[in-house]
Amino acid sequence: MVQLIKINGDVTDNFTADTLKEKQDAVGGYIEVVATRKGKVLIVNEEGALMGLKKNNKASEIADFDIVGDVICLDEKDYRKFLN
């Protein structure tokens, strides 16, 4: 399942973004892929920390370290299909 996890804690299940632009729009900038130890992949704003984006508590809990900005979260097994 693909989710959009917003900074304010709102979660959109079954999130879809077919193009790179849609993925970038969802996270507010250039994307970076972050793999976690929990079998999840987070697609984050590559420059989120430099932009001063707020901490995303739900995404940080998944990653086990601080993540900022809105995040696309998906299972590791699904991420290659989602990025194509």
PDB file of N, CA and C in Angstrom:
ATOM      1  N   MET A   1       0.834  -1.176   0.000  1.00  0.00           N
ATOM      2  CA  MET A   1       0.000   0.000   0.000  1.00  0.00           C
ATOM      3  C   MET A   1       0.884   1.248   0.000  1.00  0.00           C
ATOM      4  N   VAL A   2       0.465   2.228  -0.746  1.00  0.00           N
ATOM      5  CA  VAL A   2       1.179   3.499  -0.823  1.00  0.00           C
ATOM      6  C   VAL A   2       0.375   4.525  -0.014  1.00  0.00           C
ATOM      7  N   GLN A   3       1.081   5.240   0.855  1.00  0.00           N
ATOM      8  CA  GLN A   3       0.442   6.252   1.685  1.00  0.00           C
ATOM      9  C   GLN A   3       1.147   7.588   1.501  1.00  0.00           C
ATOM     10  N   LEU A   4       0.390   8.653   1.627  1.00  0.00           N
ATOM     11  CA  LEU A   4       0.958   9.989   1.730  1.00  0.00           C
ATOM     12  C   LEU A   4       0.806  10.388   3.190  1.00  0.00           C
ATOM     13  N   ILE A   5       1.932  10.654   3.851  1.00  0.00           N
ATOM     14  CA  ILE A   5       1.921  11.036   5.256  1.00  0.00           C
ATOM     15  C   ILE A   5       2.278  12.517   5.330  1.00  0.00           C
ATOM     16  N   LYS A   6       1.313  13.328   5.747  1.00  0.00           N
ATOM     17  CA  LYS A   6       1.495  14.777   5.828  1.00  0.00           C
ATOM     18  C   LYS A   6       2.133  15.153   7.171  1.00  0.00           C
ATOM     19  N   ILE A   7       2.756  16.304   7.210  1.00  0.00           N
ATOM     20  CA  ILE A   7       3.392  16.800   8.432  1.00  0.00           C
ATOM     21  C   ILE A   7       2.391  16.872   9.584  1.00  0.00           C
ATOM     22  N   ASN A   8       1.152  17.241   9.281  1.00  0.00           N
ATOM     23  CA  ASN A   8       0.148  17.411  10.333  1.00  0.00           C
ATOM     24  C   ASN A   8      -0.418  16.092  10.847  1.00  0.00           C
ATOM     25  N   GLY A   9       0.070  14.965  10.308  1.00  0.00           N
ATOM     26  CA  GLY A   9      -0.376  13.653  10.764  1.00  0.00           C
ATOM     27  C   GLY A   9      -1.447  13.017   9.904  1.00  0.00           C
ATOM     28  N   ASP A  10      -2.011  13.767   8.966  1.00  0.00           N
ATOM     29  CA  ASP A  10      -3.008  13.189   8.066  1.00  0.00           C
ATOM     30  C   ASP A  10      -2.348  12.148   7.163  1.00  0.00           C
ATOM     31  N   VAL A  11      -3.056  11.041   6.940  1.00  0.00           N
ATOM     32  CA  VAL A  11      -2.547   9.960   6.094  1.00  0.00           C
ATOM     33  C   VAL A  11      -3.571   9.668   5.005  1.00  0.00           C
ATOM     34  N   THR A  12      -3.106   9.653   3.761  1.00  0.00           N
ATOM     35  CA  THR A  12      -3.938   9.267   2.630  1.00  0.00           C
ATOM     36  C   THR A  12      -3.509   7.878   2.197  1.00  0.00           C
ATOM     37  N   ASP A  13      -4.386   6.889   2.393  1.00  0.00           N
ATOM     38  CA  ASP A  13      -4.102   5.525   1.952  1.00  0.00           C
ATOM     39  C   ASP A  13      -4.353   5.412   0.452  1.00  0.00           C
ATOM     40  N   ASN A  14      -3.726   4.435  -0.169  1.00  0.00           N
ATOM     41  CA  ASN A  14      -3.871   4.181  -1.604  1.00  0.00           C
ATOM     42  C   ASN A  14      -3.552   5.421  -2.433  1.00  0.00           C
ATOM     43  N   PHE A  15      -2.525   6.135  -2.018  1.00  0.00           N
ATOM     44  CA  PHE A  15      -2.084   7.337  -2.725  1.00  0.00           C
ATOM     45  C   PHE A  15      -1.532   6.950  -4.088  1.00  0.00           C
ATOM     46  N   THR A  16      -1.843   7.747  -5.090  1.00  0.00           N
ATOM     47  CA  THR A  16      -1.306   7.501  -6.429  1.00  0.00           C
ATOM     48  C   THR A  16      -0.618   8.757  -6.946  1.00  0.00           C
ATOM     49  N   ALA A  17       0.489   8.541  -7.613  1.00  0.00           N
ATOM     50  CA  ALA A  17       1.224   9.598  -8.295  1.00  0.00           C
ATOM     51  C   ALA A  17       1.932   8.918  -9.461  1.00  0.00           C
ATOM     52  N   ASP A  18       1.418   9.141 -10.648  1.00  0.00           N
ATOM     53  CA  ASP A  18       1.917   8.415 -11.811  1.00  0.00           C
ATOM     54  C   ASP A  18       3.181   9.008 -12.417  1.00  0.00           C
ATOM     55  N   THR A  19       3.358  10.304 -12.292  1.00  0.00           N
ATOM     56  CA  THR A  19       4.503  10.948 -12.928  1.00  0.00           C
ATOM     57  C   THR A  19       5.498  11.431 -11.871  1.00  0.00           C
ATOM     58  N   LEU A  20       6.708  11.695 -12.317  1.00  0.00           N
ATOM     59  CA  LEU A  20       7.713  12.250 -11.421  1.00  0.00           C
ATOM     60  C   LEU A  20       7.223  13.582 -10.855  1.00  0.00           C
ATOM     61  N   LYS A  21       6.609  14.398 -11.678  1.00  0.00           N
ATOM     62  CA  LYS A  21       6.101  15.699 -11.219  1.00  0.00           C
ATOM     63  C   LYS A  21       5.072  15.520 -10.106  1.00  0.00           C
ATOM     64  N   GLU A  22       4.192  14.558 -10.233  1.00  0.00           N
ATOM     65  CA  GLU A  22       3.187  14.307  -9.182  1.00  0.00           C
ATOM     66  C   GLU A  22       3.851  13.870  -7.883  1.00  0.00           C
ATOM     67  N   LYS A  23       4.893  13.075  -7.974  1.00  0.00           N
ATOM     68  CA  LYS A  23       5.634  12.655  -6.777  1.00  0.00           C
ATOM     69  C   LYS A  23       6.337  13.856  -6.146  1.00  0.00           C
ATOM     70  N   GLN A  24       6.963  14.685  -6.992  1.00  0.00           N
ATOM     71  CA  GLN A  24       7.634  15.884  -6.497  1.00  0.00           C
ATOM     72  C   GLN A  24       6.635  16.850  -5.866  1.00  0.00           C
ATOM     73  N   ASP A  25       5.479  17.010  -6.483  1.00  0.00           N
ATOM     74  CA  ASP A  25       4.450  17.887  -5.925  1.00  0.00           C
ATOM     75  C   ASP A  25       3.978  17.374  -4.561  1.00  0.00           C
ATOM     76  N   ALA A  26       3.894  16.066  -4.407  1.00  0.00           N
ATOM     77  CA  ALA A  26       3.419  15.487  -3.145  1.00  0.00           C
ATOM     78  C   ALA A  26       4.372  15.776  -1.992  1.00  0.00           C
ATOM     79  N   VAL A  27       5.682  15.788  -2.273  1.00  0.00           N
ATOM     80  CA  VAL A  27       6.663  16.027  -1.202  1.00  0.00           C
ATOM     81  C   VAL A  27       7.203  17.454  -1.219  1.00  0.00           C
ATOM     82  N   GLY A  28       6.805  18.244  -2.199  1.00  0.00           N
ATOM     83  CA  GLY A  28       7.176  19.650  -2.240  1.00  0.00           C
ATOM     84  C   GLY A  28       8.552  19.953  -2.796  1.00  0.00           C
ATOM     85  N   GLY A  29       9.080  19.066  -3.640  1.00  0.00           N
ATOM     86  CA  GLY A  29      10.383  19.332  -4.243  1.00  0.00           C
ATOM     87  C   GLY A  29      10.993  18.078  -4.830  1.00  0.00           C
ATOM     88  N   TYR A  30      12.294  18.168  -5.116  1.00  0.00           N
ATOM     89  CA  TYR A  30      13.005  17.002  -5.662  1.00  0.00           C
ATOM     90  C   TYR A  30      12.893  15.835  -4.697  1.00  0.00           C
ATOM     91  N   ILE A  31      12.761  14.625  -5.242  1.00  0.00           N
ATOM     92  CA  ILE A  31      12.561  13.462  -4.378  1.00  0.00           C
ATOM     93  C   ILE A  31      13.877  12.760  -4.056  1.00  0.00           C
ATOM     94  N   GLU A  32      13.874  12.141  -2.897  1.00  0.00           N
ATOM     95  CA  GLU A  32      14.970  11.281  -2.448  1.00  0.00           C
ATOM     96  C   GLU A  32      14.327  10.035  -1.853  1.00  0.00           C
ATOM     97  N   VAL A  33      14.893   8.886  -2.137  1.00  0.00           N
ATOM     98  CA  VAL A  33      14.374   7.618  -1.637  1.00  0.00           C
ATOM     99  C   VAL A  33      15.165   7.215  -0.398  1.00  0.00           C
ATOM    100  N   VAL A  34      14.430   6.913   0.685  1.00  0.00           N
ATOM    101  CA  VAL A  34      15.048   6.511   1.946  1.00  0.00           C
ATOM    102  C   VAL A  34      14.529   5.123   2.306  1.00  0.00           C
ATOM    103  N   ALA A  35      15.428   4.141   2.368  1.00  0.00           N
ATOM    104  CA  ALA A  35      15.048   2.789   2.787  1.00  0.00           C
ATOM    105  C   ALA A  35      15.114   2.715   4.306  1.00  0.00           C
ATOM    106  N   THR A  36      14.196   1.957   4.898  1.00  0.00           N
ATOM    107  CA  THR A  36      14.184   1.789   6.347  1.00  0.00           C
ATOM    108  C   THR A  36      14.456   0.331   6.694  1.00  0.00           C
ATOM    109  N   ARG A  37      14.719   0.082   7.955  1.00  0.00           N
ATOM    110  CA  ARG A  37      14.944  -1.286   8.426  1.00  0.00           C
ATOM    111  C   ARG A  37      13.640  -2.041   8.615  1.00  0.00           C
ATOM    112  N   LYS A  38      12.545  -1.355   8.502  1.00  0.00           N
ATOM    113  CA  LYS A  38      11.237  -1.952   8.745  1.00  0.00           C
ATOM    114  C   LYS A  38      10.551  -2.404   7.458  1.00  0.00           C
ATOM    115  N   GLY A  39      11.297  -2.489   6.343  1.00  0.00           N
ATOM    116  CA  GLY A  39      10.721  -2.944   5.084  1.00  0.00           C
ATOM    117  C   GLY A  39       9.900  -1.894   4.362  1.00  0.00           C
ATOM    118  N   LYS A  40      10.051  -0.645   4.766  1.00  0.00           N
ATOM    119  CA  LYS A  40       9.339   0.458   4.126  1.00  0.00           C
ATOM    120  C   LYS A  40      10.326   1.333   3.370  1.00  0.00           C
ATOM    121  N   VAL A  41       9.830   2.003   2.366  1.00  0.00           N
ATOM    122  CA  VAL A  41      10.601   2.994   1.617  1.00  0.00           C
ATOM    123  C   VAL A  41       9.863   4.315   1.748  1.00  0.00           C
ATOM    124  N   LEU A  42      10.608   5.354   2.063  1.00  0.00           N
ATOM    125  CA  LEU A  42      10.038   6.689   2.171  1.00  0.00           C
ATOM    126  C   LEU A  42      10.564   7.539   1.025  1.00  0.00           C
ATOM    127  N   ILE A  43       9.673   8.216   0.363  1.00  0.00           N
ATOM    128  CA  ILE A  43      10.059   9.173  -0.667  1.00  0.00           C
ATOM    129  C   ILE A  43       9.871  10.546  -0.040  1.00  0.00           C
ATOM    130  N   VAL A  44      10.991  11.256   0.096  1.00  0.00           N
ATOM    131  CA  VAL A  44      10.997  12.510   0.844  1.00  0.00           C
ATOM    132  C   VAL A  44      11.482  13.647  -0.049  1.00  0.00           C
ATOM    133  N   ASN A  45      11.355  14.858   0.453  1.00  0.00           N
ATOM    134  CA  ASN A  45      11.891  16.029  -0.219  1.00  0.00           C
ATOM    135  C   ASN A  45      13.396  16.056   0.034  1.00  0.00           C
ATOM    136  N   GLU A  46      14.173  15.975  -1.020  1.00  0.00           N
ATOM    137  CA  GLU A  46      15.629  15.919  -0.934  1.00  0.00           C
ATOM    138  C   GLU A  46      16.217  17.113  -0.175  1.00  0.00           C
ATOM    139  N   GLU A  47      15.589  18.259  -0.291  1.00  0.00           N
ATOM    140  CA  GLU A  47      16.113  19.473   0.331  1.00  0.00           C
ATOM    141  C   GLU A  47      15.257  19.938   1.507  1.00  0.00           C
ATOM    142  N   GLY A  48      14.448  19.034   2.048  1.00  0.00           N
ATOM    143  CA  GLY A  48      13.516  19.400   3.110  1.00  0.00           C
ATOM    144  C   GLY A  48      14.166  20.028   4.323  1.00  0.00           C
ATOM    145  N   ALA A  49      15.279  19.480   4.779  1.00  0.00           N
ATOM    146  CA  ALA A  49      15.967  20.039   5.950  1.00  0.00           C
ATOM    147  C   ALA A  49      16.530  21.420   5.629  1.00  0.00           C
ATOM    148  N   LEU A  50      17.102  21.582   4.437  1.00  0.00           N
ATOM    149  CA  LEU A  50      17.644  22.888   4.031  1.00  0.00           C
ATOM    150  C   LEU A  50      16.540  23.937   3.911  1.00  0.00           C
ATOM    151  N   MET A  51      15.337  23.478   3.554  1.00  0.00           N
ATOM    152  CA  MET A  51      14.204  24.381   3.400  1.00  0.00           C
ATOM    153  C   MET A  51      13.543  24.703   4.738  1.00  0.00           C
ATOM    154  N   GLY A  52      13.981  24.019   5.791  1.00  0.00           N
ATOM    155  CA  GLY A  52      13.413  24.259   7.113  1.00  0.00           C
ATOM    156  C   GLY A  52      12.038  23.649   7.317  1.00  0.00           C
ATOM    157  N   LEU A  53      11.734  22.562   6.577  1.00  0.00           N
ATOM    158  CA  LEU A  53      10.437  21.913   6.745  1.00  0.00           C
ATOM    159  C   LEU A  53      10.332  21.301   8.141  1.00  0.00           C
ATOM    160  N   LYS A  54       9.124  21.240   8.641  1.00  0.00           N
ATOM    161  CA  LYS A  54       8.878  20.700   9.978  1.00  0.00           C
ATOM    162  C   LYS A  54       9.048  19.187  10.002  1.00  0.00           C
ATOM    163  N   LYS A  55       9.331  18.671  11.190  1.00  0.00           N
ATOM    164  CA  LYS A  55       9.484  17.226  11.393  1.00  0.00           C
ATOM    165  C   LYS A  55       8.155  16.529  11.147  1.00  0.00           C
ATOM    166  N   ASN A  56       8.224  15.399  10.468  1.00  0.00           N
ATOM    167  CA  ASN A  56       7.070  14.543  10.240  1.00  0.00           C
ATOM    168  C   ASN A  56       7.170  13.405  11.250  1.00  0.00           C
ATOM    169  N   ASN A  57       6.391  13.496  12.317  1.00  0.00           N
ATOM    170  CA  ASN A  57       6.503  12.534  13.414  1.00  0.00           C
ATOM    171  C   ASN A  57       6.191  11.102  12.994  1.00  0.00           C
ATOM    172  N   LYS A  58       5.142  10.916  12.209  1.00  0.00           N
ATOM    173  CA  LYS A  58       4.779   9.553  11.786  1.00  0.00           C
ATOM    174  C   LYS A  58       5.864   8.941  10.906  1.00  0.00           C
ATOM    175  N   ALA A  59       6.371   9.715   9.957  1.00  0.00           N
ATOM    176  CA  ALA A  59       7.425   9.207   9.077  1.00  0.00           C
ATOM    177  C   ALA A  59       8.715   8.977   9.863  1.00  0.00           C
ATOM    178  N   SER A  60       9.009   9.833  10.820  1.00  0.00           N
ATOM    179  CA  SER A  60      10.210   9.669  11.648  1.00  0.00           C
ATOM    180  C   SER A  60      10.140   8.397  12.464  1.00  0.00           C
ATOM    181  N   GLU A  61       8.956   8.053  12.938  1.00  0.00           N
ATOM    182  CA  GLU A  61       8.772   6.811  13.690  1.00  0.00           C
ATOM    183  C   GLU A  61       9.049   5.595  12.806  1.00  0.00           C
ATOM    184  N   ILE A  62       8.622   5.654  11.576  1.00  0.00           N
ATOM    185  CA  ILE A  62       8.871   4.558  10.630  1.00  0.00           C
ATOM    186  C   ILE A  62      10.358   4.444  10.327  1.00  0.00           C
ATOM    187  N   ALA A  63      11.032   5.578  10.157  1.00  0.00           N
ATOM    188  CA  ALA A  63      12.440   5.590   9.757  1.00  0.00           C
ATOM    189  C   ALA A  63      13.407   5.369  10.919  1.00  0.00           C
ATOM    190  N   ASP A  64      12.969   5.624  12.141  1.00  0.00           N
ATOM    191  CA  ASP A  64      13.828   5.577  13.331  1.00  0.00           C
ATOM    192  C   ASP A  64      14.858   6.702  13.338  1.00  0.00           C
ATOM    193  N   PHE A  65      14.606   7.756  12.577  1.00  0.00           N
ATOM    194  CA  PHE A  65      15.397   8.989  12.634  1.00  0.00           C
ATOM    195  C   PHE A  65      14.511  10.106  12.080  1.00  0.00           C
ATOM    196  N   ASP A  66      14.934  11.348  12.289  1.00  0.00           N
ATOM    197  CA  ASP A  66      14.094  12.489  11.910  1.00  0.00           C
ATOM    198  C   ASP A  66      13.916  12.600  10.403  1.00  0.00           C
ATOM    199  N   ILE A  67      12.653  12.734  10.006  1.00  0.00           N
ATOM    200  CA  ILE A  67      12.253  12.956   8.628  1.00  0.00           C
ATOM    201  C   ILE A  67      11.428  14.237   8.628  1.00  0.00           C
ATOM    202  N   VAL A  68      11.644  15.092   7.650  1.00  0.00           N
ATOM    203  CA  VAL A  68      10.897  16.351   7.580  1.00  0.00           C
ATOM    204  C   VAL A  68      10.036  16.391   6.324  1.00  0.00           C
ATOM    205  N   GLY A  69       8.970  17.159   6.406  1.00  0.00           N
ATOM    206  CA  GLY A  69       8.109  17.374   5.251  1.00  0.00           C
ATOM    207  C   GLY A  69       7.112  16.253   5.023  1.00  0.00           C
ATOM    208  N   ASP A  70       6.292  16.440   4.013  1.00  0.00           N
ATOM    209  CA  ASP A  70       5.331  15.417   3.606  1.00  0.00           C
ATOM    210  C   ASP A  70       6.091  14.275   2.940  1.00  0.00           C
ATOM    211  N   VAL A  71       5.595  13.051   3.135  1.00  0.00           N
ATOM    212  CA  VAL A  71       6.331  11.856   2.734  1.00  0.00           C
ATOM    213  C   VAL A  71       5.404  10.855   2.060  1.00  0.00           C
ATOM    214  N   ILE A  72       5.903  10.220   1.018  1.00  0.00           N
ATOM    215  CA  ILE A  72       5.222   9.066   0.426  1.00  0.00           C
ATOM    216  C   ILE A  72       5.855   7.827   1.043  1.00  0.00           C
ATOM    217  N   CYS A  73       5.023   6.952   1.586  1.00  0.00           N
ATOM    218  CA  CYS A  73       5.505   5.738   2.249  1.00  0.00           C
ATOM    219  C   CYS A  73       4.921   4.520   1.541  1.00  0.00           C
ATOM    220  N   LEU A  74       5.779   3.548   1.254  1.00  0.00           N
ATOM    221  CA  LEU A  74       5.307   2.328   0.606  1.00  0.00           C
ATOM    222  C   LEU A  74       6.157   1.147   1.024  1.00  0.00           C
ATOM    223  N   ASP A  75       5.635  -0.039   0.785  1.00  0.00           N
ATOM    224  CA  ASP A  75       6.375  -1.257   1.081  1.00  0.00           C
ATOM    225  C   ASP A  75       7.554  -1.374   0.131  1.00  0.00           C
ATOM    226  N   GLU A  76       8.646  -1.898   0.662  1.00  0.00           N
ATOM    227  CA  GLU A  76       9.873  -2.061  -0.126  1.00  0.00           C
ATOM    228  C   GLU A  76       9.613  -2.823  -1.421  1.00  0.00           C
ATOM    229  N   LYS A  77       8.772  -3.841  -1.355  1.00  0.00           N
ATOM    230  CA  LYS A  77       8.505  -4.679  -2.533  1.00  0.00           C
ATOM    231  C   LYS A  77       7.757  -3.915  -3.642  1.00  0.00           C
ATOM    232  N   ASP A  78       7.108  -2.815  -3.294  1.00  0.00           N
ATOM    233  CA  ASP A  78       6.322  -2.068  -4.262  1.00  0.00           C
ATOM    234  C   ASP A  78       7.014  -0.848  -4.839  1.00  0.00           C
ATOM    235  N   TYR A  79       8.172  -0.480  -4.294  1.00  0.00           N
ATOM    236  CA  TYR A  79       8.713   0.825  -4.657  1.00  0.00           C
ATOM    237  C   TYR A  79       9.245   0.910  -6.099  1.00  0.00           C
ATOM    238  N   ARG A  80       9.826  -0.143  -6.629  1.00  0.00           N
ATOM    239  CA  ARG A  80      10.303  -0.070  -8.017  1.00  0.00           C
ATOM    240  C   ARG A  80       9.144   0.151  -8.992  1.00  0.00           C
ATOM    241  N   LYS A  81       8.050  -0.536  -8.751  1.00  0.00           N
ATOM    242  CA  LYS A  81       6.871  -0.368  -9.603  1.00  0.00           C
ATOM    243  C   LYS A  81       6.327   1.056  -9.482  1.00  0.00           C
ATOM    244  N   PHE A  82       6.327   1.602  -8.253  1.00  0.00           N
ATOM    245  CA  PHE A  82       5.798   2.940  -8.025  1.00  0.00           C
ATOM    246  C   PHE A  82       6.665   4.003  -8.693  1.00  0.00           C
ATOM    247  N   LEU A  83       7.978   3.816  -8.721  1.00  0.00           N
ATOM    248  CA  LEU A  83       8.866   4.812  -9.307  1.00  0.00           C
ATOM    249  C   LEU A  83       8.882   4.788 -10.825  1.00  0.00           C
ATOM    250  N   ASN A  84       8.456   3.713 -11.426  1.00  0.00           N
ATOM    251  CA  ASN A  84       8.450   3.630 -12.903  1.00  0.00           C
ATOM    252  C   ASN A  84       7.253   4.302 -13.505  1.00  0.00           C
TER     253      ASN A  84
END
